N, C-alpha and C. Protein backbone atom coordinates (compact mmCIF):
# COMPACT_ATOMS: atom_id res chain seq x y z
N MET A 1 44.55 129.23 40.24
CA MET A 1 43.12 128.99 40.40
C MET A 1 42.58 128.38 39.10
N PRO A 2 41.91 127.22 39.19
CA PRO A 2 41.38 126.61 37.98
C PRO A 2 40.27 127.44 37.36
N GLU A 3 40.17 127.33 36.03
CA GLU A 3 39.09 128.01 35.33
C GLU A 3 37.76 127.40 35.74
N PRO A 4 36.69 128.20 35.69
CA PRO A 4 35.37 127.65 36.03
C PRO A 4 34.99 126.53 35.05
N LEU A 5 34.15 125.63 35.53
CA LEU A 5 33.70 124.54 34.69
C LEU A 5 32.60 125.00 33.75
N ASP A 6 32.68 124.56 32.49
CA ASP A 6 31.58 124.85 31.58
C ASP A 6 30.54 123.74 31.68
N ARG A 7 29.45 123.87 30.96
CA ARG A 7 28.35 122.90 31.07
C ARG A 7 28.78 121.51 30.63
N TYR A 8 29.70 121.41 29.66
CA TYR A 8 30.17 120.11 29.21
C TYR A 8 31.01 119.43 30.29
N GLU A 9 31.87 120.20 30.91
CA GLU A 9 32.73 119.63 31.96
C GLU A 9 31.89 119.19 33.17
N LYS A 10 30.88 119.96 33.49
CA LYS A 10 29.99 119.56 34.59
C LYS A 10 29.29 118.25 34.26
N ARG A 11 28.84 118.14 33.04
CA ARG A 11 28.15 116.91 32.62
C ARG A 11 29.13 115.73 32.60
N ILE A 12 30.36 115.97 32.16
CA ILE A 12 31.39 114.92 32.17
C ILE A 12 31.60 114.41 33.59
N LEU A 13 31.70 115.33 34.55
CA LEU A 13 31.89 114.92 35.94
C LEU A 13 30.70 114.11 36.44
N GLU A 14 29.50 114.53 36.08
CA GLU A 14 28.31 113.76 36.49
C GLU A 14 28.36 112.35 35.93
N LEU A 15 28.67 112.23 34.64
CA LEU A 15 28.71 110.92 34.00
C LEU A 15 29.81 110.03 34.57
N LEU A 16 30.99 110.59 34.79
CA LEU A 16 32.10 109.78 35.32
C LEU A 16 31.85 109.35 36.75
N GLN A 17 31.11 110.14 37.51
CA GLN A 17 30.76 109.72 38.87
C GLN A 17 29.80 108.54 38.85
N GLN A 18 28.99 108.47 37.82
CA GLN A 18 28.04 107.36 37.69
C GLN A 18 28.73 106.11 37.14
N ASP A 19 29.67 106.29 36.21
CA ASP A 19 30.35 105.15 35.58
C ASP A 19 31.68 105.60 35.01
N ALA A 20 32.75 105.39 35.75
CA ALA A 20 34.08 105.83 35.33
C ALA A 20 34.65 104.98 34.20
N SER A 21 33.98 103.89 33.87
CA SER A 21 34.48 103.04 32.79
C SER A 21 33.98 103.49 31.41
N LEU A 22 33.16 104.53 31.37
CA LEU A 22 32.68 105.03 30.08
C LEU A 22 33.85 105.48 29.22
N SER A 23 33.80 105.14 27.95
CA SER A 23 34.85 105.59 27.02
C SER A 23 34.65 107.06 26.71
N THR A 24 35.70 107.68 26.21
CA THR A 24 35.60 109.09 25.81
C THR A 24 34.53 109.25 24.73
N ALA A 25 34.49 108.31 23.81
CA ALA A 25 33.49 108.37 22.73
C ALA A 25 32.08 108.31 23.29
N ALA A 26 31.85 107.44 24.27
CA ALA A 26 30.52 107.32 24.87
C ALA A 26 30.14 108.60 25.60
N ILE A 27 31.08 109.17 26.32
CA ILE A 27 30.82 110.43 27.03
C ILE A 27 30.52 111.53 26.02
N ALA A 28 31.35 111.61 24.99
CA ALA A 28 31.18 112.64 23.96
C ALA A 28 29.79 112.56 23.34
N GLU A 29 29.35 111.35 23.05
CA GLU A 29 28.02 111.16 22.45
C GLU A 29 26.93 111.63 23.41
N LYS A 30 27.07 111.31 24.68
CA LYS A 30 26.04 111.67 25.67
C LYS A 30 25.94 113.17 25.90
N ILE A 31 27.07 113.89 25.74
CA ILE A 31 27.03 115.33 26.02
C ILE A 31 26.98 116.19 24.75
N GLY A 32 27.05 115.54 23.58
CA GLY A 32 26.91 116.29 22.34
C GLY A 32 28.18 116.95 21.86
N LEU A 33 29.32 116.32 22.08
CA LEU A 33 30.61 116.81 21.58
C LEU A 33 31.26 115.71 20.75
N SER A 34 32.26 116.08 19.96
CA SER A 34 33.05 115.05 19.30
C SER A 34 34.11 114.56 20.29
N SER A 35 34.76 113.46 19.97
CA SER A 35 35.70 112.82 20.90
C SER A 35 36.88 113.70 21.29
N SER A 36 37.48 114.41 20.32
CA SER A 36 38.69 115.20 20.63
C SER A 36 38.45 116.29 21.67
N PRO A 37 37.45 117.16 21.48
CA PRO A 37 37.22 118.17 22.53
C PRO A 37 36.78 117.56 23.86
N CYS A 38 36.07 116.45 23.79
CA CYS A 38 35.67 115.77 25.02
C CYS A 38 36.90 115.24 25.74
N TRP A 39 37.82 114.62 25.01
CA TRP A 39 39.06 114.10 25.61
C TRP A 39 39.86 115.24 26.25
N ARG A 40 39.94 116.38 25.54
CA ARG A 40 40.69 117.53 26.09
C ARG A 40 40.07 118.00 27.41
N ARG A 41 38.76 118.00 27.49
CA ARG A 41 38.09 118.41 28.72
C ARG A 41 38.36 117.41 29.85
N ILE A 42 38.27 116.13 29.54
CA ILE A 42 38.56 115.11 30.56
C ILE A 42 40.01 115.23 31.01
N ASP A 43 40.92 115.43 30.08
CA ASP A 43 42.34 115.60 30.42
C ASP A 43 42.53 116.80 31.34
N ARG A 44 41.89 117.90 31.04
CA ARG A 44 41.99 119.10 31.89
C ARG A 44 41.44 118.81 33.29
N LEU A 45 40.30 118.14 33.37
CA LEU A 45 39.70 117.82 34.66
C LEU A 45 40.64 116.95 35.50
N GLU A 46 41.36 116.05 34.85
CA GLU A 46 42.32 115.20 35.56
C GLU A 46 43.55 116.00 35.97
N ARG A 47 44.12 116.78 35.03
CA ARG A 47 45.33 117.56 35.32
C ARG A 47 45.11 118.56 36.45
N GLU A 48 43.94 119.19 36.47
CA GLU A 48 43.66 120.23 37.45
C GLU A 48 43.08 119.68 38.75
N GLY A 49 42.98 118.36 38.85
CA GLY A 49 42.58 117.75 40.11
C GLY A 49 41.09 117.67 40.38
N PHE A 50 40.25 118.03 39.41
CA PHE A 50 38.80 117.85 39.60
C PHE A 50 38.49 116.36 39.70
N ILE A 51 39.18 115.57 38.90
CA ILE A 51 39.07 114.11 38.98
C ILE A 51 40.31 113.63 39.72
N LYS A 52 40.11 113.13 40.93
CA LYS A 52 41.24 112.70 41.75
C LYS A 52 41.76 111.34 41.32
N ARG A 53 40.85 110.42 41.05
CA ARG A 53 41.22 109.08 40.58
C ARG A 53 39.96 108.37 40.13
N LYS A 54 40.15 107.26 39.43
CA LYS A 54 39.03 106.44 38.96
C LYS A 54 39.16 105.09 39.64
N VAL A 55 38.08 104.64 40.27
CA VAL A 55 38.12 103.41 41.06
C VAL A 55 36.89 102.56 40.78
N ALA A 56 36.96 101.31 41.20
CA ALA A 56 35.79 100.43 41.19
C ALA A 56 35.21 100.42 42.59
N LEU A 57 33.91 100.55 42.70
CA LEU A 57 33.25 100.51 44.00
C LEU A 57 32.82 99.07 44.26
N VAL A 58 33.33 98.51 45.33
CA VAL A 58 33.09 97.11 45.67
C VAL A 58 31.96 97.04 46.69
N ASP A 59 31.05 96.10 46.52
CA ASP A 59 29.96 95.88 47.45
C ASP A 59 30.52 95.22 48.71
N ARG A 60 30.55 95.95 49.82
CA ARG A 60 31.19 95.45 51.04
C ARG A 60 30.54 94.16 51.55
N LYS A 61 29.23 94.04 51.41
CA LYS A 61 28.56 92.84 51.92
C LYS A 61 28.90 91.61 51.09
N LYS A 62 29.10 91.79 49.80
CA LYS A 62 29.44 90.64 48.95
C LYS A 62 30.83 90.08 49.28
N ILE A 63 31.69 90.91 49.89
CA ILE A 63 33.02 90.41 50.27
C ILE A 63 33.08 90.11 51.77
N GLY A 64 31.92 90.09 52.42
CA GLY A 64 31.86 89.66 53.82
C GLY A 64 32.03 90.73 54.86
N LEU A 65 31.99 92.00 54.48
CA LEU A 65 32.09 93.09 55.46
C LEU A 65 30.68 93.54 55.81
N ASN A 66 30.04 92.78 56.70
CA ASN A 66 28.63 92.97 56.99
C ASN A 66 28.33 94.02 58.05
N ALA A 67 29.33 94.43 58.80
CA ALA A 67 29.11 95.41 59.86
C ALA A 67 29.73 96.75 59.47
N GLN A 68 28.96 97.80 59.70
CA GLN A 68 29.45 99.16 59.48
C GLN A 68 29.23 99.93 60.78
N ILE A 69 30.31 100.52 61.27
CA ILE A 69 30.27 101.18 62.57
C ILE A 69 30.80 102.60 62.43
N PHE A 70 30.15 103.52 63.11
CA PHE A 70 30.63 104.90 63.20
C PHE A 70 31.11 105.10 64.63
N ALA A 71 32.34 105.56 64.77
CA ALA A 71 32.90 105.76 66.11
C ALA A 71 33.34 107.20 66.28
N GLN A 72 32.94 107.77 67.40
CA GLN A 72 33.37 109.12 67.77
C GLN A 72 34.51 108.95 68.77
N ILE A 73 35.61 109.64 68.51
CA ILE A 73 36.81 109.48 69.33
C ILE A 73 37.16 110.82 69.97
N LYS A 74 37.40 110.75 71.26
CA LYS A 74 37.85 111.92 72.00
C LYS A 74 39.26 111.64 72.50
N LEU A 75 40.15 112.59 72.27
CA LEU A 75 41.53 112.45 72.74
C LEU A 75 41.71 113.23 74.03
N ASN A 76 42.66 112.76 74.86
CA ASN A 76 43.02 113.55 76.03
C ASN A 76 44.05 114.60 75.59
N ALA A 77 44.46 115.45 76.49
CA ALA A 77 45.39 116.54 76.16
C ALA A 77 46.69 115.99 75.57
N HIS A 78 47.18 114.89 76.11
CA HIS A 78 48.40 114.27 75.60
C HIS A 78 48.20 113.79 74.16
N GLY A 79 47.01 113.26 73.89
CA GLY A 79 46.70 112.78 72.55
C GLY A 79 46.70 113.89 71.52
N ARG A 80 46.19 115.05 71.90
CA ARG A 80 46.17 116.18 70.97
C ARG A 80 47.59 116.65 70.65
N ALA A 81 48.49 116.49 71.60
CA ALA A 81 49.88 116.88 71.37
C ALA A 81 50.55 115.94 70.37
N ASN A 82 50.07 114.71 70.28
CA ASN A 82 50.64 113.72 69.36
C ASN A 82 49.66 113.40 68.23
N LEU A 83 49.05 114.44 67.69
CA LEU A 83 48.05 114.29 66.66
C LEU A 83 48.58 113.57 65.43
N ASP A 84 49.81 113.86 65.03
CA ASP A 84 50.40 113.23 63.84
C ASP A 84 50.49 111.71 64.03
N GLU A 85 50.87 111.28 65.22
CA GLU A 85 50.97 109.85 65.50
C GLU A 85 49.59 109.19 65.44
N PHE A 86 48.59 109.84 65.99
CA PHE A 86 47.22 109.31 65.97
C PHE A 86 46.71 109.21 64.53
N THR A 87 46.85 110.28 63.77
CA THR A 87 46.33 110.27 62.39
C THR A 87 47.08 109.26 61.52
N ALA A 88 48.36 109.08 61.73
CA ALA A 88 49.10 108.07 60.98
C ALA A 88 48.59 106.67 61.29
N ALA A 89 48.29 106.41 62.55
CA ALA A 89 47.77 105.10 62.95
C ALA A 89 46.40 104.87 62.33
N ILE A 90 45.53 105.87 62.36
CA ILE A 90 44.19 105.74 61.77
C ILE A 90 44.30 105.46 60.27
N ARG A 91 45.20 106.19 59.60
CA ARG A 91 45.38 105.98 58.15
C ARG A 91 45.87 104.57 57.83
N ALA A 92 46.58 103.95 58.75
CA ALA A 92 47.14 102.61 58.52
C ALA A 92 46.14 101.49 58.75
N PHE A 93 45.02 101.77 59.40
CA PHE A 93 44.01 100.74 59.66
C PHE A 93 43.14 100.56 58.42
N PRO A 94 43.22 99.42 57.75
CA PRO A 94 42.39 99.24 56.54
C PRO A 94 40.90 99.20 56.85
N GLU A 95 40.54 98.88 58.08
CA GLU A 95 39.12 98.84 58.48
C GLU A 95 38.49 100.22 58.52
N VAL A 96 39.31 101.25 58.69
CA VAL A 96 38.81 102.62 58.76
C VAL A 96 38.73 103.18 57.34
N LEU A 97 37.51 103.41 56.88
CA LEU A 97 37.31 103.91 55.52
C LEU A 97 37.33 105.42 55.44
N GLU A 98 36.87 106.07 56.51
CA GLU A 98 36.83 107.53 56.53
C GLU A 98 37.16 108.01 57.93
N CYS A 99 37.78 109.18 57.99
CA CYS A 99 38.09 109.81 59.28
C CYS A 99 37.98 111.31 59.10
N TYR A 100 37.26 111.93 60.02
CA TYR A 100 37.05 113.37 59.97
C TYR A 100 37.41 113.99 61.31
N VAL A 101 38.04 115.16 61.27
CA VAL A 101 38.28 115.96 62.47
C VAL A 101 37.02 116.78 62.70
N LEU A 102 36.54 116.78 63.94
CA LEU A 102 35.30 117.47 64.27
C LEU A 102 35.53 118.63 65.22
N MET A 103 34.61 119.55 65.21
CA MET A 103 34.56 120.59 66.23
C MET A 103 33.46 120.18 67.20
N GLY A 104 33.68 120.40 68.47
CA GLY A 104 32.65 120.05 69.44
C GLY A 104 33.19 119.17 70.53
N SER A 105 32.34 118.34 71.08
CA SER A 105 32.71 117.54 72.25
C SER A 105 33.57 116.33 71.92
N VAL A 106 33.63 115.91 70.65
CA VAL A 106 34.52 114.83 70.24
C VAL A 106 35.49 115.35 69.19
N ASP A 107 36.60 114.64 69.03
CA ASP A 107 37.65 115.12 68.13
C ASP A 107 37.59 114.51 66.73
N PHE A 108 37.17 113.24 66.62
CA PHE A 108 37.18 112.55 65.34
C PHE A 108 35.91 111.72 65.18
N LEU A 109 35.52 111.55 63.93
CA LEU A 109 34.48 110.61 63.56
C LEU A 109 35.10 109.68 62.52
N ILE A 110 35.00 108.37 62.76
CA ILE A 110 35.52 107.41 61.80
C ILE A 110 34.41 106.46 61.37
N ARG A 111 34.54 105.98 60.14
CA ARG A 111 33.63 104.93 59.64
C ARG A 111 34.46 103.68 59.46
N VAL A 112 34.02 102.62 60.09
CA VAL A 112 34.76 101.36 60.14
C VAL A 112 33.89 100.26 59.55
N VAL A 113 34.51 99.36 58.80
CA VAL A 113 33.81 98.16 58.34
C VAL A 113 34.49 96.93 58.94
N ALA A 114 33.69 95.90 59.17
CA ALA A 114 34.20 94.65 59.74
C ALA A 114 33.31 93.51 59.27
N THR A 115 33.80 92.30 59.42
CA THR A 115 32.99 91.15 59.00
C THR A 115 31.74 91.02 59.85
N ASP A 116 31.88 91.33 61.14
CA ASP A 116 30.75 91.24 62.06
C ASP A 116 31.09 92.05 63.31
N ILE A 117 30.18 92.08 64.25
CA ILE A 117 30.39 92.87 65.47
C ILE A 117 31.56 92.32 66.28
N GLU A 118 31.73 91.02 66.29
CA GLU A 118 32.86 90.43 67.03
C GLU A 118 34.19 90.89 66.43
N ALA A 119 34.27 91.00 65.13
CA ALA A 119 35.49 91.49 64.48
C ALA A 119 35.74 92.95 64.85
N TYR A 120 34.66 93.76 64.89
CA TYR A 120 34.83 95.14 65.32
C TYR A 120 35.28 95.20 66.78
N GLU A 121 34.71 94.34 67.61
CA GLU A 121 35.11 94.31 69.02
C GLU A 121 36.61 94.04 69.14
N ARG A 122 37.13 93.09 68.36
CA ARG A 122 38.58 92.81 68.39
C ARG A 122 39.38 94.03 67.92
N PHE A 123 38.91 94.66 66.83
CA PHE A 123 39.57 95.87 66.33
C PHE A 123 39.57 96.95 67.40
N PHE A 124 38.43 97.13 68.04
CA PHE A 124 38.29 98.15 69.08
C PHE A 124 39.26 97.89 70.24
N PHE A 125 39.23 96.69 70.81
CA PHE A 125 40.04 96.41 72.00
C PHE A 125 41.52 96.24 71.68
N ASP A 126 41.84 95.64 70.55
CA ASP A 126 43.24 95.35 70.23
C ASP A 126 43.98 96.51 69.57
N ARG A 127 43.24 97.38 68.89
CA ARG A 127 43.94 98.42 68.13
C ARG A 127 43.46 99.83 68.43
N LEU A 128 42.18 100.10 68.22
CA LEU A 128 41.67 101.47 68.32
C LEU A 128 41.82 102.04 69.73
N SER A 129 41.35 101.31 70.73
CA SER A 129 41.38 101.84 72.09
C SER A 129 42.80 101.91 72.66
N ARG A 130 43.74 101.26 72.03
CA ARG A 130 45.14 101.29 72.49
C ARG A 130 45.97 102.41 71.88
N LEU A 131 45.39 103.16 71.00
CA LEU A 131 46.15 104.27 70.42
C LEU A 131 46.48 105.28 71.51
N PRO A 132 47.68 105.82 71.46
CA PRO A 132 48.05 106.80 72.50
C PRO A 132 47.15 108.03 72.46
N GLY A 133 46.72 108.43 73.63
CA GLY A 133 45.92 109.64 73.75
C GLY A 133 44.43 109.45 73.62
N VAL A 134 43.98 108.24 73.30
CA VAL A 134 42.54 108.01 73.18
C VAL A 134 41.92 107.99 74.57
N GLN A 135 41.03 108.91 74.80
CA GLN A 135 40.37 109.02 76.09
C GLN A 135 39.04 108.28 76.08
N GLU A 136 38.31 108.40 74.95
CA GLU A 136 36.96 107.85 74.90
C GLU A 136 36.60 107.52 73.46
N VAL A 137 35.90 106.39 73.28
CA VAL A 137 35.37 106.00 71.97
C VAL A 137 33.91 105.63 72.14
N ASN A 138 33.05 106.27 71.39
CA ASN A 138 31.62 105.93 71.38
C ASN A 138 31.29 105.36 70.02
N SER A 139 30.90 104.10 70.00
CA SER A 139 30.63 103.41 68.74
C SER A 139 29.13 103.27 68.51
N THR A 140 28.73 103.44 67.27
CA THR A 140 27.34 103.27 66.86
C THR A 140 27.31 102.33 65.67
N VAL A 141 26.53 101.27 65.78
CA VAL A 141 26.41 100.29 64.70
C VAL A 141 25.30 100.73 63.77
N ALA A 142 25.60 100.76 62.47
CA ALA A 142 24.58 101.06 61.47
C ALA A 142 23.76 99.80 61.22
N LEU A 143 22.45 99.89 61.41
CA LEU A 143 21.58 98.74 61.20
C LEU A 143 21.28 98.50 59.73
N SER A 144 21.01 99.58 59.01
CA SER A 144 20.76 99.47 57.58
C SER A 144 21.23 100.74 56.89
N GLU A 145 21.34 100.65 55.59
CA GLU A 145 21.84 101.77 54.80
C GLU A 145 20.68 102.35 54.00
N ILE A 146 20.35 103.58 54.24
CA ILE A 146 19.27 104.25 53.53
C ILE A 146 19.78 104.88 52.25
N LYS A 147 20.93 105.53 52.33
CA LYS A 147 21.54 106.14 51.15
C LYS A 147 23.05 106.10 51.32
N ALA A 148 23.72 105.67 50.28
CA ALA A 148 25.18 105.70 50.24
C ALA A 148 25.58 105.99 48.81
N THR A 149 26.28 107.07 48.62
CA THR A 149 26.70 107.45 47.27
C THR A 149 28.07 108.09 47.33
N THR A 150 28.75 108.05 46.22
CA THR A 150 30.01 108.78 46.09
C THR A 150 29.82 109.96 45.13
N GLU A 151 28.61 110.10 44.58
CA GLU A 151 28.35 111.15 43.59
C GLU A 151 28.14 112.49 44.29
N LEU A 152 28.96 113.46 43.92
CA LEU A 152 28.80 114.82 44.44
C LEU A 152 27.81 115.57 43.55
N PRO A 153 26.98 116.42 44.14
CA PRO A 153 26.09 117.23 43.29
C PRO A 153 26.93 118.33 42.62
N ILE A 154 26.90 118.37 41.31
CA ILE A 154 27.68 119.35 40.55
C ILE A 154 26.82 120.59 40.38
N PRO A 155 27.26 121.73 40.98
CA PRO A 155 26.42 122.95 40.90
C PRO A 155 26.38 123.52 39.49
């Protein structure tokens, strides 16, 4: 079990979520520590898995991915028996950015990006709806984005 986070580590996580390119020295200055203890804290956060990875967030619209779709997927009984095959296929689709297993009337919720609705239609008919065990897919197109963040609130 990892040790609880102290106030410096919590602040480090907040800062890195805002800008992972910050240097250790810059972080240390912002939180009121010298570089060495700050580096040790960042190293601990990485070793213990608090920091999973550091990435660049790309603006999807600037690269031509103008459509964002949320699809609810229901599997038939046969599909549930082959859950590993379904999840492997979903993981292999680069258009699917997120996938969640749900409780309730549907089994999965996925977030898909595409260049446009026609591209999503091709993805839907050629790939998604052909997965074994898929009984039903209900797609909802996002018209606009009110809030999108990767920053977790640090308690």
